[in-house]
Amino acid sequence: MKKMILAATTAATLVAASLVAPAPVSARDGGAVAAGVLGGLAAGAIIGGAVASAPPPPAYYGPGPAYVAGPPCFWRRERFWDGYGWRVRRVQVCQ
């Protein structure tokens, strides 16, 4: 979620910057450039602080392993006839 907000903010900033026509800068602007730089730094600090102070996502811990008592089972080899000859297969036997 944080990455999506950051990407949207970056995209909006780039779109706004491309739509605004730059004006020629001169030393007689009365500090307008400095005010713009300071305003941009302040806005960046506020947005960065809001994004950084978001709480981390909650950790999820699933249920632990459980022992289920059941009938005792074991594997046994069993011979069988498949129509062509005798073969051996493993079979699980539960009591």
PDB file of N, CA and C in Angstrom:
ATOM      1  N   MET A   1       0.829  -1.182   0.000  1.00  0.00           N
ATOM      2  CA  MET A   1       0.000   0.000   0.000  1.00  0.00           C
ATOM      3  C   MET A   1       0.875   1.246   0.000  1.00  0.00           C
ATOM      4  N   LYS A   2       1.973   1.199   0.766  1.00  0.00           N
ATOM      5  CA  LYS A   2       2.854   2.354   0.849  1.00  0.00           C
ATOM      6  C   LYS A   2       3.515   2.626  -0.495  1.00  0.00           C
ATOM      7  N   LYS A   3       3.906   1.563  -1.197  1.00  0.00           N
ATOM      8  CA  LYS A   3       4.540   1.746  -2.505  1.00  0.00           C
ATOM      9  C   LYS A   3       3.558   2.330  -3.513  1.00  0.00           C
ATOM     10  N   MET A   4       2.286   1.919  -3.411  1.00  0.00           N
ATOM     11  CA  MET A   4       1.283   2.425  -4.342  1.00  0.00           C
ATOM     12  C   MET A   4       1.060   3.930  -4.110  1.00  0.00           C
ATOM     13  N   ILE A   5       1.004   4.349  -2.851  1.00  0.00           N
ATOM     14  CA  ILE A   5       0.804   5.769  -2.552  1.00  0.00           C
ATOM     15  C   ILE A   5       2.011   6.577  -3.015  1.00  0.00           C
ATOM     16  N   LEU A   6       3.203   6.048  -2.775  1.00  0.00           N
ATOM     17  CA  LEU A   6       4.414   6.741  -3.205  1.00  0.00           C
ATOM     18  C   LEU A   6       4.474   6.868  -4.732  1.00  0.00           C
ATOM     19  N   ALA A   7       4.091   5.799  -5.441  1.00  0.00           N
ATOM     20  CA  ALA A   7       4.087   5.849  -6.907  1.00  0.00           C
ATOM     21  C   ALA A   7       3.050   6.848  -7.425  1.00  0.00           C
ATOM     22  N   ALA A   8       1.871   6.876  -6.793  1.00  0.00           N
ATOM     23  CA  ALA A   8       0.826   7.814  -7.219  1.00  0.00           C
ATOM     24  C   ALA A   8       1.259   9.256  -6.964  1.00  0.00           C
ATOM     25  N   THR A   9       1.895   9.504  -5.827  1.00  0.00           N
ATOM     26  CA  THR A   9       2.369  10.855  -5.517  1.00  0.00           C
ATOM     27  C   THR A   9       3.458  11.287  -6.496  1.00  0.00           C
ATOM     28  N   THR A  10       4.357  10.386  -6.813  1.00  0.00           N
ATOM     29  CA  THR A  10       5.423  10.699  -7.773  1.00  0.00           C
ATOM     30  C   THR A  10       4.844  10.987  -9.149  1.00  0.00           C
ATOM     31  N   ALA A  11       3.878  10.164  -9.575  1.00  0.00           N
ATOM     32  CA  ALA A  11       3.263  10.385 -10.885  1.00  0.00           C
ATOM     33  C   ALA A  11       2.523  11.722 -10.926  1.00  0.00           C
ATOM     34  N   ALA A  12       1.804  12.055  -9.853  1.00  0.00           N
ATOM     35  CA  ALA A  12       1.073  13.326  -9.823  1.00  0.00           C
ATOM     36  C   ALA A  12       2.033  14.506  -9.850  1.00  0.00           C
ATOM     37  N   THR A  13       3.158  14.388  -9.157  1.00  0.00           N
ATOM     38  CA  THR A  13       4.152  15.467  -9.161  1.00  0.00           C
ATOM     39  C   THR A  13       4.744  15.659 -10.550  1.00  0.00           C
ATOM     40  N   LEU A  14       5.059  14.559 -11.224  1.00  0.00           N
ATOM     41  CA  LEU A  14       5.625  14.679 -12.574  1.00  0.00           C
ATOM     42  C   LEU A  14       4.624  15.265 -13.561  1.00  0.00           C
ATOM     43  N   VAL A  15       3.365  14.870 -13.447  1.00  0.00           N
ATOM     44  CA  VAL A  15       2.338  15.423 -14.343  1.00  0.00           C
ATOM     45  C   VAL A  15       2.164  16.911 -14.083  1.00  0.00           C
ATOM     46  N   ALA A  16       2.098  17.312 -12.804  1.00  0.00           N
ATOM     47  CA  ALA A  16       1.929  18.735 -12.488  1.00  0.00           C
ATOM     48  C   ALA A  16       3.131  19.542 -12.952  1.00  0.00           C
ATOM     49  N   ALA A  17       4.319  18.996 -12.812  1.00  0.00           N
ATOM     50  CA  ALA A  17       5.515  19.724 -13.243  1.00  0.00           C
ATOM     51  C   ALA A  17       5.568  19.875 -14.757  1.00  0.00           C
ATOM     52  N   SER A  18       5.055  18.901 -15.480  1.00  0.00           N
ATOM     53  CA  SER A  18       5.085  19.002 -16.938  1.00  0.00           C
ATOM     54  C   SER A  18       4.009  19.944 -17.476  1.00  0.00           C
ATOM     55  N   LEU A  19       2.940  20.162 -16.718  1.00  0.00           N
ATOM     56  CA  LEU A  19       1.867  21.039 -17.189  1.00  0.00           C
ATOM     57  C   LEU A  19       2.143  22.516 -16.907  1.00  0.00           C
ATOM     58  N   VAL A  20       2.918  22.796 -15.885  1.00  0.00           N
ATOM     59  CA  VAL A  20       3.210  24.183 -15.524  1.00  0.00           C
ATOM     60  C   VAL A  20       4.315  24.707 -16.437  1.00  0.00           C
ATOM     61  N   ALA A  21       4.059  25.853 -17.063  1.00  0.00           N
ATOM     62  CA  ALA A  21       5.060  26.445 -17.949  1.00  0.00           C
ATOM     63  C   ALA A  21       6.102  27.169 -17.111  1.00  0.00           C
ATOM     64  N   PRO A  22       7.366  26.853 -17.293  1.00  0.00           N
ATOM     65  CA  PRO A  22       8.401  27.530 -16.501  1.00  0.00           C
ATOM     66  C   PRO A  22       8.543  28.991 -16.934  1.00  0.00           C
ATOM     67  N   ALA A  23       8.722  29.846 -15.953  1.00  0.00           N
ATOM     68  CA  ALA A  23       8.910  31.271 -16.226  1.00  0.00           C
ATOM     69  C   ALA A  23      10.400  31.587 -16.080  1.00  0.00           C
ATOM     70  N   PRO A  24      10.893  32.544 -16.817  1.00  0.00           N
ATOM     71  CA  PRO A  24      12.296  32.899 -16.673  1.00  0.00           C
ATOM     72  C   PRO A  24      12.564  33.469 -15.277  1.00  0.00           C
ATOM     73  N   VAL A  25      13.689  33.091 -14.719  1.00  0.00           N
ATOM     74  CA  VAL A  25      14.037  33.497 -13.362  1.00  0.00           C
ATOM     75  C   VAL A  25      14.983  34.689 -13.435  1.00  0.00           C
ATOM     76  N   SER A  26      14.745  35.631 -12.549  1.00  0.00           N
ATOM     77  CA  SER A  26      15.651  36.769 -12.446  1.00  0.00           C
ATOM     78  C   SER A  26      15.891  37.043 -10.963  1.00  0.00           C
ATOM     79  N   ALA A  27      16.920  37.799 -10.693  1.00  0.00           N
ATOM     80  CA  ALA A  27      17.273  38.099  -9.310  1.00  0.00           C
ATOM     81  C   ALA A  27      16.306  39.073  -8.671  1.00  0.00           C
ATOM     82  N   ARG A  28      15.433  39.683  -9.455  1.00  0.00           N
ATOM     83  CA  ARG A  28      14.517  40.694  -8.930  1.00  0.00           C
ATOM     84  C   ARG A  28      13.155  40.118  -8.573  1.00  0.00           C
ATOM     85  N   ASP A  29      13.052  38.803  -8.391  1.00  0.00           N
ATOM     86  CA  ASP A  29      11.751  38.203  -8.102  1.00  0.00           C
ATOM     87  C   ASP A  29      11.318  38.405  -6.657  1.00  0.00           C
ATOM     88  N   GLY A  30      12.149  38.929  -5.820  1.00  0.00           N
ATOM     89  CA  GLY A  30      11.767  39.201  -4.434  1.00  0.00           C
ATOM     90  C   GLY A  30      11.719  37.944  -3.583  1.00  0.00           C
ATOM     91  N   GLY A  31      12.494  36.931  -3.921  1.00  0.00           N
ATOM     92  CA  GLY A  31      12.551  35.727  -3.096  1.00  0.00           C
ATOM     93  C   GLY A  31      11.529  34.671  -3.456  1.00  0.00           C
ATOM     94  N   ALA A  32      10.905  34.782  -4.614  1.00  0.00           N
ATOM     95  CA  ALA A  32       9.892  33.804  -5.006  1.00  0.00           C
ATOM     96  C   ALA A  32      10.501  32.428  -5.230  1.00  0.00           C
ATOM     97  N   VAL A  33      11.713  32.396  -5.768  1.00  0.00           N
ATOM     98  CA  VAL A  33      12.373  31.114  -6.011  1.00  0.00           C
ATOM     99  C   VAL A  33      12.720  30.447  -4.680  1.00  0.00           C
ATOM    100  N   ALA A  34      13.236  31.234  -3.762  1.00  0.00           N
ATOM    101  CA  ALA A  34      13.594  30.688  -2.452  1.00  0.00           C
ATOM    102  C   ALA A  34      12.355  30.181  -1.723  1.00  0.00           C
ATOM    103  N   ALA A  35      11.259  30.910  -1.822  1.00  0.00           N
ATOM    104  CA  ALA A  35      10.019  30.483  -1.177  1.00  0.00           C
ATOM    105  C   ALA A  35       9.516  29.179  -1.802  1.00  0.00           C
ATOM    106  N   GLY A  36       9.663  29.046  -3.105  1.00  0.00           N
ATOM    107  CA  GLY A  36       9.246  27.814  -3.766  1.00  0.00           C
ATOM    108  C   GLY A  36      10.088  26.620  -3.348  1.00  0.00           C
ATOM    109  N   VAL A  37      11.401  26.842  -3.240  1.00  0.00           N
ATOM    110  CA  VAL A  37      12.294  25.765  -2.809  1.00  0.00           C
ATOM    111  C   VAL A  37      11.974  25.361  -1.376  1.00  0.00           C
ATOM    112  N   LEU A  38      11.816  26.337  -0.486  1.00  0.00           N
ATOM    113  CA  LEU A  38      11.496  26.031   0.906  1.00  0.00           C
ATOM    114  C   LEU A  38      10.130  25.349   1.039  1.00  0.00           C
ATOM    115  N   GLY A  39       9.176  25.785   0.264  1.00  0.00           N
ATOM    116  CA  GLY A  39       7.858  25.151   0.294  1.00  0.00           C
ATOM    117  C   GLY A  39       7.914  23.710  -0.191  1.00  0.00           C
ATOM    118  N   GLY A  40       8.709  23.464  -1.223  1.00  0.00           N
ATOM    119  CA  GLY A  40       8.867  22.100  -1.720  1.00  0.00           C
ATOM    120  C   GLY A  40       9.559  21.196  -0.718  1.00  0.00           C
ATOM    121  N   LEU A  41      10.577  21.729  -0.035  1.00  0.00           N
ATOM    122  CA  LEU A  41      11.254  20.943   0.997  1.00  0.00           C
ATOM    123  C   LEU A  41      10.315  20.632   2.161  1.00  0.00           C
ATOM    124  N   ALA A  42       9.512  21.619   2.557  1.00  0.00           N
ATOM    125  CA  ALA A  42       8.577  21.395   3.665  1.00  0.00           C
ATOM    126  C   ALA A  42       7.519  20.361   3.286  1.00  0.00           C
ATOM    127  N   ALA A  43       6.981  20.464   2.079  1.00  0.00           N
ATOM    128  CA  ALA A  43       5.977  19.491   1.635  1.00  0.00           C
ATOM    129  C   ALA A  43       6.586  18.099   1.543  1.00  0.00           C
ATOM    130  N   GLY A  44       7.816  17.996   1.063  1.00  0.00           N
ATOM    131  CA  GLY A  44       8.489  16.702   0.990  1.00  0.00           C
ATOM    132  C   GLY A  44       8.719  16.099   2.363  1.00  0.00           C
ATOM    133  N   ALA A  45       9.080  16.950   3.340  1.00  0.00           N
ATOM    134  CA  ALA A  45       9.293  16.458   4.696  1.00  0.00           C
ATOM    135  C   ALA A  45       7.987  15.972   5.317  1.00  0.00           C
ATOM    136  N   ILE A  46       6.898  16.688   5.069  1.00  0.00           N
ATOM    137  CA  ILE A  46       5.594  16.282   5.623  1.00  0.00           C
ATOM    138  C   ILE A  46       5.126  14.974   5.003  1.00  0.00           C
ATOM    139  N   ILE A  47       5.210  14.861   3.688  1.00  0.00           N
ATOM    140  CA  ILE A  47       4.768  13.629   3.012  1.00  0.00           C
ATOM    141  C   ILE A  47       5.670  12.464   3.377  1.00  0.00           C
ATOM    142  N   GLY A  48       6.983  12.703   3.422  1.00  0.00           N
ATOM    143  CA  GLY A  48       7.914  11.638   3.798  1.00  0.00           C
ATOM    144  C   GLY A  48       7.703  11.163   5.225  1.00  0.00           C
ATOM    145  N   GLY A  49       7.432  12.098   6.130  1.00  0.00           N
ATOM    146  CA  GLY A  49       7.162  11.723   7.514  1.00  0.00           C
ATOM    147  C   GLY A  49       5.881  10.920   7.646  1.00  0.00           C
ATOM    148  N   ALA A  50       4.861  11.275   6.879  1.00  0.00           N
ATOM    149  CA  ALA A  50       3.601  10.530   6.935  1.00  0.00           C
ATOM    150  C   ALA A  50       3.774   9.117   6.399  1.00  0.00           C
ATOM    151  N   VAL A  51       4.541   8.972   5.332  1.00  0.00           N
ATOM    152  CA  VAL A  51       4.752   7.647   4.756  1.00  0.00           C
ATOM    153  C   VAL A  51       5.615   6.789   5.672  1.00  0.00           C
ATOM    154  N   ALA A  52       6.642   7.390   6.282  1.00  0.00           N
ATOM    155  CA  ALA A  52       7.566   6.629   7.126  1.00  0.00           C
ATOM    156  C   ALA A  52       6.942   6.234   8.462  1.00  0.00           C
ATOM    157  N   SER A  53       5.954   6.984   8.947  1.00  0.00           N
ATOM    158  CA  SER A  53       5.385   6.689  10.256  1.00  0.00           C
ATOM    159  C   SER A  53       4.230   5.694  10.196  1.00  0.00           C
ATOM    160  N   ALA A  54       3.943   5.159   9.039  1.00  0.00           N
ATOM    161  CA  ALA A  54       2.867   4.180   8.929  1.00  0.00           C
ATOM    162  C   ALA A  54       3.257   2.926   9.707  1.00  0.00           C
ATOM    163  N   PRO A  55       2.298   2.322  10.419  1.00  0.00           N
ATOM    164  CA  PRO A  55       2.633   1.127  11.198  1.00  0.00           C
ATOM    165  C   PRO A  55       2.944  -0.051  10.281  1.00  0.00           C
ATOM    166  N   PRO A  56       3.798  -0.956  10.735  1.00  0.00           N
ATOM    167  CA  PRO A  56       4.117  -2.120   9.905  1.00  0.00           C
ATOM    168  C   PRO A  56       2.904  -3.049   9.801  1.00  0.00           C
ATOM    169  N   PRO A  57       2.848  -3.828   8.750  1.00  0.00           N
ATOM    170  CA  PRO A  57       1.714  -4.745   8.622  1.00  0.00           C
ATOM    171  C   PRO A  57       1.756  -5.784   9.741  1.00  0.00           C
ATOM    172  N   PRO A  58       0.583  -6.259  10.172  1.00  0.00           N
ATOM    173  CA  PRO A  58       0.566  -7.240  11.260  1.00  0.00           C
ATOM    174  C   PRO A  58       1.179  -8.563  10.817  1.00  0.00           C
ATOM    175  N   ALA A  59       1.876  -9.192  11.743  1.00  0.00           N
ATOM    176  CA  ALA A  59       2.484 -10.490  11.459  1.00  0.00           C
ATOM    177  C   ALA A  59       1.414 -11.566  11.602  1.00  0.00           C
ATOM    178  N   TYR A  60       1.451 -12.526  10.727  1.00  0.00           N
ATOM    179  CA  TYR A  60       0.482 -13.616  10.778  1.00  0.00           C
ATOM    180  C   TYR A  60       1.199 -14.886  11.170  1.00  0.00           C
ATOM    181  N   TYR A  61       0.723 -15.497  12.195  1.00  0.00           N
ATOM    182  CA  TYR A  61       1.254 -16.772  12.628  1.00  0.00           C
ATOM    183  C   TYR A  61       0.129 -17.788  12.538  1.00  0.00           C
ATOM    184  N   GLY A  62       0.315 -18.776  11.698  1.00  0.00           N
ATOM    185  CA  GLY A  62      -0.693 -19.814  11.518  1.00  0.00           C
ATOM    186  C   GLY A  62      -0.677 -20.782  12.680  1.00  0.00           C
ATOM    187  N   PRO A  63      -1.603 -21.702  12.680  1.00  0.00           N
ATOM    188  CA  PRO A  63      -1.640 -22.689  13.756  1.00  0.00           C
ATOM    189  C   PRO A  63      -0.385 -23.564  13.717  1.00  0.00           C
ATOM    190  N   GLY A  64       0.048 -23.972  14.885  1.00  0.00           N
ATOM    191  CA  GLY A  64       1.248 -24.786  14.994  1.00  0.00           C
ATOM    192  C   GLY A  64       0.974 -26.229  14.618  1.00  0.00           C
ATOM    193  N   PRO A  65       2.028 -27.019  14.579  1.00  0.00           N
ATOM    194  CA  PRO A  65       1.840 -28.431  14.242  1.00  0.00           C
ATOM    195  C   PRO A  65       1.070 -29.142  15.347  1.00  0.00           C
ATOM    196  N   ALA A  66       0.245 -30.072  14.961  1.00  0.00           N
ATOM    197  CA  ALA A  66      -0.575 -30.798  15.926  1.00  0.00           C
ATOM    198  C   ALA A  66      -0.371 -32.298  15.733  1.00  0.00           C
ATOM    199  N   TYR A  67      -0.437 -33.015  16.817  1.00  0.00           N
ATOM    200  CA  TYR A  67      -0.334 -34.468  16.766  1.00  0.00           C
ATOM    201  C   TYR A  67      -1.739 -35.039  16.824  1.00  0.00           C
ATOM    202  N   VAL A  68      -2.070 -35.831  15.853  1.00  0.00           N
ATOM    203  CA  VAL A  68      -3.381 -36.464  15.803  1.00  0.00           C
ATOM    204  C   VAL A  68      -3.175 -37.960  15.970  1.00  0.00           C
ATOM    205  N   ALA A  69      -3.736 -38.475  17.030  1.00  0.00           N
ATOM    206  CA  ALA A  69      -3.591 -39.912  17.279  1.00  0.00           C
ATOM    207  C   ALA A  69      -4.542 -40.674  16.361  1.00  0.00           C
ATOM    208  N   GLY A  70      -4.040 -41.669  15.729  1.00  0.00           N
ATOM    209  CA  GLY A  70      -4.849 -42.473  14.829  1.00  0.00           C
ATOM    210  C   GLY A  70      -4.416 -43.921  14.919  1.00  0.00           C
ATOM    211  N   PRO A  71      -4.965 -44.726  14.084  1.00  0.00           N
ATOM    212  CA  PRO A  71      -4.571 -46.128  14.128  1.00  0.00           C
ATOM    213  C   PRO A  71      -3.123 -46.276  13.674  1.00  0.00           C
ATOM    214  N   PRO A  72      -2.398 -47.200  14.275  1.00  0.00           N
ATOM    215  CA  PRO A  72      -1.013 -47.393  13.842  1.00  0.00           C
ATOM    216  C   PRO A  72      -0.972 -47.969  12.434  1.00  0.00           C
ATOM    217  N   CYS A  73      -0.261 -47.318  11.565  1.00  0.00           N
ATOM    218  CA  CYS A  73      -0.165 -47.761  10.174  1.00  0.00           C
ATOM    219  C   CYS A  73       1.279 -48.125   9.862  1.00  0.00           C
ATOM    220  N   PHE A  74       1.451 -49.003   8.916  1.00  0.00           N
ATOM    221  CA  PHE A  74       2.781 -49.382   8.466  1.00  0.00           C
ATOM    222  C   PHE A  74       2.702 -49.773   7.003  1.00  0.00           C
ATOM    223  N   TRP A  75       3.867 -49.786   6.361  1.00  0.00           N
ATOM    224  CA  TRP A  75       3.951 -50.156   4.957  1.00  0.00           C
ATOM    225  C   TRP A  75       4.419 -51.609   4.859  1.00  0.00           C
ATOM    226  N   ARG A  76       3.818 -52.327   3.908  1.00  0.00           N
ATOM    227  CA  ARG A  76       4.162 -53.732   3.715  1.00  0.00           C
ATOM    228  C   ARG A  76       4.283 -53.994   2.229  1.00  0.00           C
ATOM    229  N   ARG A  77       5.233 -54.854   1.861  1.00  0.00           N
ATOM    230  CA  ARG A  77       5.364 -55.261   0.466  1.00  0.00           C
ATOM    231  C   ARG A  77       4.426 -56.426   0.227  1.00  0.00           C
ATOM    232  N   GLU A  78       3.745 -56.381  -0.910  1.00  0.00           N
ATOM    233  CA  GLU A  78       2.731 -57.390  -1.206  1.00  0.00           C
ATOM    234  C   GLU A  78       2.918 -57.868  -2.642  1.00  0.00           C
ATOM    235  N   ARG A  79       2.859 -59.172  -2.829  1.00  0.00           N
ATOM    236  CA  ARG A  79       2.948 -59.740  -4.169  1.00  0.00           C
ATOM    237  C   ARG A  79       1.558 -59.831  -4.780  1.00  0.00           C
ATOM    238  N   PHE A  80       1.472 -59.540  -6.084  1.00  0.00           N
ATOM    239  CA  PHE A  80       0.189 -59.700  -6.776  1.00  0.00           C
ATOM    240  C   PHE A  80       0.443 -60.121  -8.215  1.00  0.00           C
ATOM    241  N   TRP A  81      -0.573 -60.720  -8.793  1.00  0.00           N
ATOM    242  CA  TRP A  81      -0.531 -61.187 -10.169  1.00  0.00           C
ATOM    243  C   TRP A  81      -1.178 -60.137 -11.042  1.00  0.00           C
ATOM    244  N   ASP A  82      -0.471 -59.636 -12.057  1.00  0.00           N
ATOM    245  CA  ASP A  82      -1.037 -58.594 -12.910  1.00  0.00           C
ATOM    246  C   ASP A  82      -1.527 -59.120 -14.253  1.00  0.00           C
ATOM    247  N   GLY A  83      -1.596 -60.426 -14.392  1.00  0.00           N
ATOM    248  CA  GLY A  83      -2.064 -61.015 -15.638  1.00  0.00           C
ATOM    249  C   GLY A  83      -0.925 -61.503 -16.512  1.00  0.00           C
ATOM    250  N   TYR A  84       0.267 -60.948 -16.282  1.00  0.00           N
ATOM    251  CA  TYR A  84       1.432 -61.354 -17.061  1.00  0.00           C
ATOM    252  C   TYR A  84       2.477 -62.037 -16.188  1.00  0.00           C
ATOM    253  N   GLY A  85       2.466 -61.707 -14.908  1.00  0.00           N
ATOM    254  CA  GLY A  85       3.452 -62.282 -14.002  1.00  0.00           C
ATOM    255  C   GLY A  85       3.274 -61.713 -12.614  1.00  0.00           C
ATOM    256  N   TRP A  86       4.068 -62.244 -11.699  1.00  0.00           N
ATOM    257  CA  TRP A  86       4.008 -61.750 -10.322  1.00  0.00           C
ATOM    258  C   TRP A  86       4.786 -60.445 -10.200  1.00  0.00           C
ATOM    259  N   ARG A  87       4.171 -59.501  -9.474  1.00  0.00           N
ATOM    260  CA  ARG A  87       4.806 -58.206  -9.232  1.00  0.00           C
ATOM    261  C   ARG A  87       4.716 -57.890  -7.747  1.00  0.00           C
ATOM    262  N   VAL A  88       5.516 -56.932  -7.298  1.00  0.00           N
ATOM    263  CA  VAL A  88       5.531 -56.537  -5.887  1.00  0.00           C
ATOM    264  C   VAL A  88       5.187 -55.053  -5.805  1.00  0.00           C
ATOM    265  N   ARG A  89       4.318 -54.702  -4.856  1.00  0.00           N
ATOM    266  CA  ARG A  89       3.976 -53.304  -4.640  1.00  0.00           C
ATOM    267  C   ARG A  89       3.954 -53.032  -3.133  1.00  0.00           C
ATOM    268  N   ARG A  90       4.083 -51.773  -2.783  1.00  0.00           N
ATOM    269  CA  ARG A  90       4.016 -51.384  -1.376  1.00  0.00           C
ATOM    270  C   ARG A  90       2.585 -50.991  -1.047  1.00  0.00           C
ATOM    271  N   VAL A  91       2.095 -51.466   0.087  1.00  0.00           N
ATOM    272  CA  VAL A  91       0.720 -51.234   0.516  1.00  0.00           C
ATOM    273  C   VAL A  91       0.748 -50.726   1.949  1.00  0.00           C
ATOM    274  N   GLN A  92      -0.049 -49.679   2.224  1.00  0.00           N
ATOM    275  CA  GLN A  92      -0.139 -49.176   3.590  1.00  0.00           C
ATOM    276  C   GLN A  92      -1.230 -49.940   4.314  1.00  0.00           C
ATOM    277  N   VAL A  93      -0.896 -50.483   5.476  1.00  0.00           N
ATOM    278  CA  VAL A  93      -1.835 -51.263   6.271  1.00  0.00           C
ATOM    279  C   VAL A  93      -2.078 -50.547   7.580  1.00  0.00           C
ATOM    280  N   CYS A  94      -3.333 -50.242   7.878  1.00  0.00           N
ATOM    281  CA  CYS A  94      -3.701 -49.581   9.130  1.00  0.00           C
ATOM    282  C   CYS A  94      -4.584 -50.536   9.931  1.00  0.00           C
ATOM    283  N   GLN A  95      -4.344 -50.599  11.239  1.00  0.00           N
ATOM    284  CA  GLN A  95      -5.119 -51.522  12.083  1.00  0.00           C
ATOM    285  C   GLN A  95      -6.088 -50.762  12.957  1.00  0.00           C
TER     286      GLN A  95
END
